[in-house]
Each structure stands twice: as C-alpha cells, then as structure tokens.
Amino acid sequence: KKVQLPYRIIEASFSSMHTVLLVEKGLIYTMGRNIEGQLGAGHTNCVEQPILVDFIKHRTIVNCQCNDQGTIVTSQDNVITFWGTRNGIPEFGDCNFDESATALWRLQIS
C-alpha cells in the first residue's frame, strides 16, 4: 500500500515488529506492532500507517535505529532518546527515565 508523507525519507530502520522513518526535516515517523510501546505513540496499539512521533518533534533527529522492542534516535544536539522496552529497561548505560511517554529514556552525550 502506497503511503504519502509530507517530507522525503532520508533514513529508515526496520525490525520484524515495526518500522522507523527519519524524514528530511529531522522528524520521526513510526508504524507497525507496538506491544512494547516501540512506536512512541503513547499507547500500545498497532498502527498500520506512519505516524509522527510527537514527543520528540521539538528536536532535530539525525539518526534512527530500532530492534523488535524499541526505537533509539540521536538528535542534532547529541541527545540519544530510547523508547519501548526490553524487560522494562533499555540495554545501555545510565539514563533518565521519563514516565510521561511510553518507556522513554534520554542520555545526553558530551
């Protein structure tokens, strides 16, 4: 099924559960299964069409990656943000947890 996005896709990451799209304005769109909150939609319902990840749109994203349970993005100001879960915690370093989003973790890179 053909999908129209408002901006050109510059990077994409795929897992067996979901897809993450980085578009030229530095915005992130996600779609697919969402059991672990890996779409960043604030819920765990499956999504068939790409949706804008609203809580991260204030940052300019420069890189995106995903695995089956989570999504990780890097912003232009060197903030790594992870959402989704793998047994409740991300599998990297010390991070700050923000309960306002679905399992959102942020790590500032110096």
Protein backbone atom coordinates (compact mmCIF):
# COMPACT_ATOMS: atom_id res chain seq x y z
CA LYS A 1 0.00 0.00 0.00
CA LYS A 2 1.43 3.37 -1.05
CA VAL A 3 1.81 5.94 1.74
CA GLN A 4 2.30 9.71 1.33
CA LEU A 5 4.49 11.54 3.85
CA PRO A 6 4.86 15.32 3.96
CA TYR A 7 8.68 15.08 3.67
CA ARG A 8 11.21 12.91 1.87
CA ILE A 9 12.55 9.89 3.81
CA ILE A 10 16.31 10.14 4.42
CA GLU A 11 16.80 7.11 6.66
CA ALA A 12 14.79 4.06 7.67
CA SER A 13 15.23 1.29 10.20
CA PHE A 14 13.28 -1.97 10.20
CA SER A 15 12.65 -4.77 12.66
CA SER A 16 10.29 -7.72 12.45
CA MET A 17 7.82 -5.70 14.58
CA HIS A 18 7.96 -2.09 13.38
CA THR A 19 9.48 0.49 11.04
CA VAL A 20 11.09 3.83 11.89
CA LEU A 21 11.38 6.59 9.27
CA LEU A 22 13.56 9.71 9.55
CA VAL A 23 12.39 12.45 7.19
CA GLU A 24 14.34 15.41 5.86
CA LYS A 25 13.01 17.88 8.46
CA GLY A 26 14.53 15.76 11.24
CA LEU A 27 11.18 14.28 12.25
CA ILE A 28 10.47 10.63 13.11
CA TYR A 29 7.54 8.56 11.85
CA THR A 30 6.81 5.01 13.05
CA MET A 31 4.40 2.22 12.16
CA GLY A 32 3.83 -1.44 12.92
CA ARG A 33 3.31 -3.57 16.01
CA ASN A 34 3.52 -1.65 19.24
CA ILE A 35 3.34 -4.21 22.06
CA GLU A 36 6.34 -2.68 23.89
CA GLY A 37 5.48 0.96 23.09
CA GLN A 38 8.21 0.98 20.43
CA LEU A 39 6.24 3.36 18.18
CA GLY A 40 6.40 6.23 20.69
CA ALA A 41 2.67 6.81 20.25
CA GLY A 42 1.76 6.97 23.95
CA HIS A 43 -0.23 3.72 23.65
CA THR A 44 0.45 0.10 22.70
CA ASN A 45 -1.99 -0.32 19.79
CA CYS A 46 -0.70 -1.47 16.40
CA VAL A 47 -0.50 1.26 13.74
CA GLU A 48 -0.77 0.45 10.01
CA GLN A 49 0.15 3.88 8.58
CA PRO A 50 3.18 6.02 9.55
CA ILE A 51 2.50 8.36 12.48
CA LEU A 52 4.57 11.33 13.63
CA VAL A 53 6.29 10.76 16.97
CA ASP A 54 5.02 13.96 18.62
CA PHE A 55 7.01 13.95 21.86
CA ILE A 56 10.35 14.14 20.01
CA LYS A 57 9.40 16.65 17.27
CA HIS A 58 11.00 19.58 19.15
CA ARG A 59 14.43 18.03 18.45
CA THR A 60 16.09 17.67 15.06
CA ILE A 61 16.78 13.96 14.69
CA VAL A 62 19.83 12.87 12.67
CA ASN A 63 19.82 9.08 13.13
CA CYS A 64 17.31 6.32 13.87
CA GLN A 65 17.63 2.64 14.75
CA CYS A 66 15.25 0.00 16.05
CA ASN A 67 15.01 -3.56 17.26
CA ASP A 68 11.87 -5.60 17.90
CA GLN A 69 11.15 -3.99 21.29
CA GLY A 70 12.45 -0.44 20.97
CA THR A 71 13.45 2.60 18.98
CA ILE A 72 16.53 4.75 19.51
CA VAL A 73 17.21 8.13 17.89
CA THR A 74 20.05 10.65 18.08
CA SER A 75 19.33 14.37 17.84
CA GLN A 76 21.45 17.13 16.34
CA ASP A 77 22.20 18.38 19.88
CA ASN A 78 23.67 14.96 20.86
CA VAL A 79 20.76 13.60 22.89
CA ILE A 80 20.06 9.89 22.50
CA THR A 81 16.41 9.02 23.14
CA PHE A 82 15.11 5.46 23.51
CA TRP A 83 11.51 4.29 23.84
CA GLY A 84 9.88 0.92 24.05
CA THR A 85 11.04 -1.76 26.46
CA ARG A 86 13.04 -4.91 26.73
CA ASN A 87 12.04 -6.45 30.06
CA GLY A 88 11.31 -2.92 31.28
CA ILE A 89 14.77 -1.38 30.77
CA PRO A 90 16.94 -0.38 27.81
CA GLU A 91 20.16 -2.31 27.33
CA PHE A 92 22.63 0.56 27.54
CA GLY A 93 24.24 2.71 30.27
CA ASP A 94 22.79 5.04 32.88
CA CYS A 95 19.79 7.04 31.68
CA ASN A 96 16.98 9.23 32.97
CA PHE A 97 13.51 7.68 32.82
CA ASP A 98 10.53 9.86 31.88
CA GLU A 99 7.17 8.28 32.72
CA SER A 100 5.22 10.81 30.61
CA ALA A 101 5.91 8.79 27.45
CA THR A 102 5.82 5.06 26.91
CA ALA A 103 9.11 3.89 28.48
CA LEU A 104 11.14 6.91 27.37
CA TRP A 105 14.84 7.15 28.25
CA ARG A 106 17.24 10.02 27.46
CA LEU A 107 21.02 10.13 27.56
CA GLN A 108 23.00 13.33 26.94
CA ILE A 109 26.27 12.80 25.07
CA SER A 110 29.03 15.27 25.91
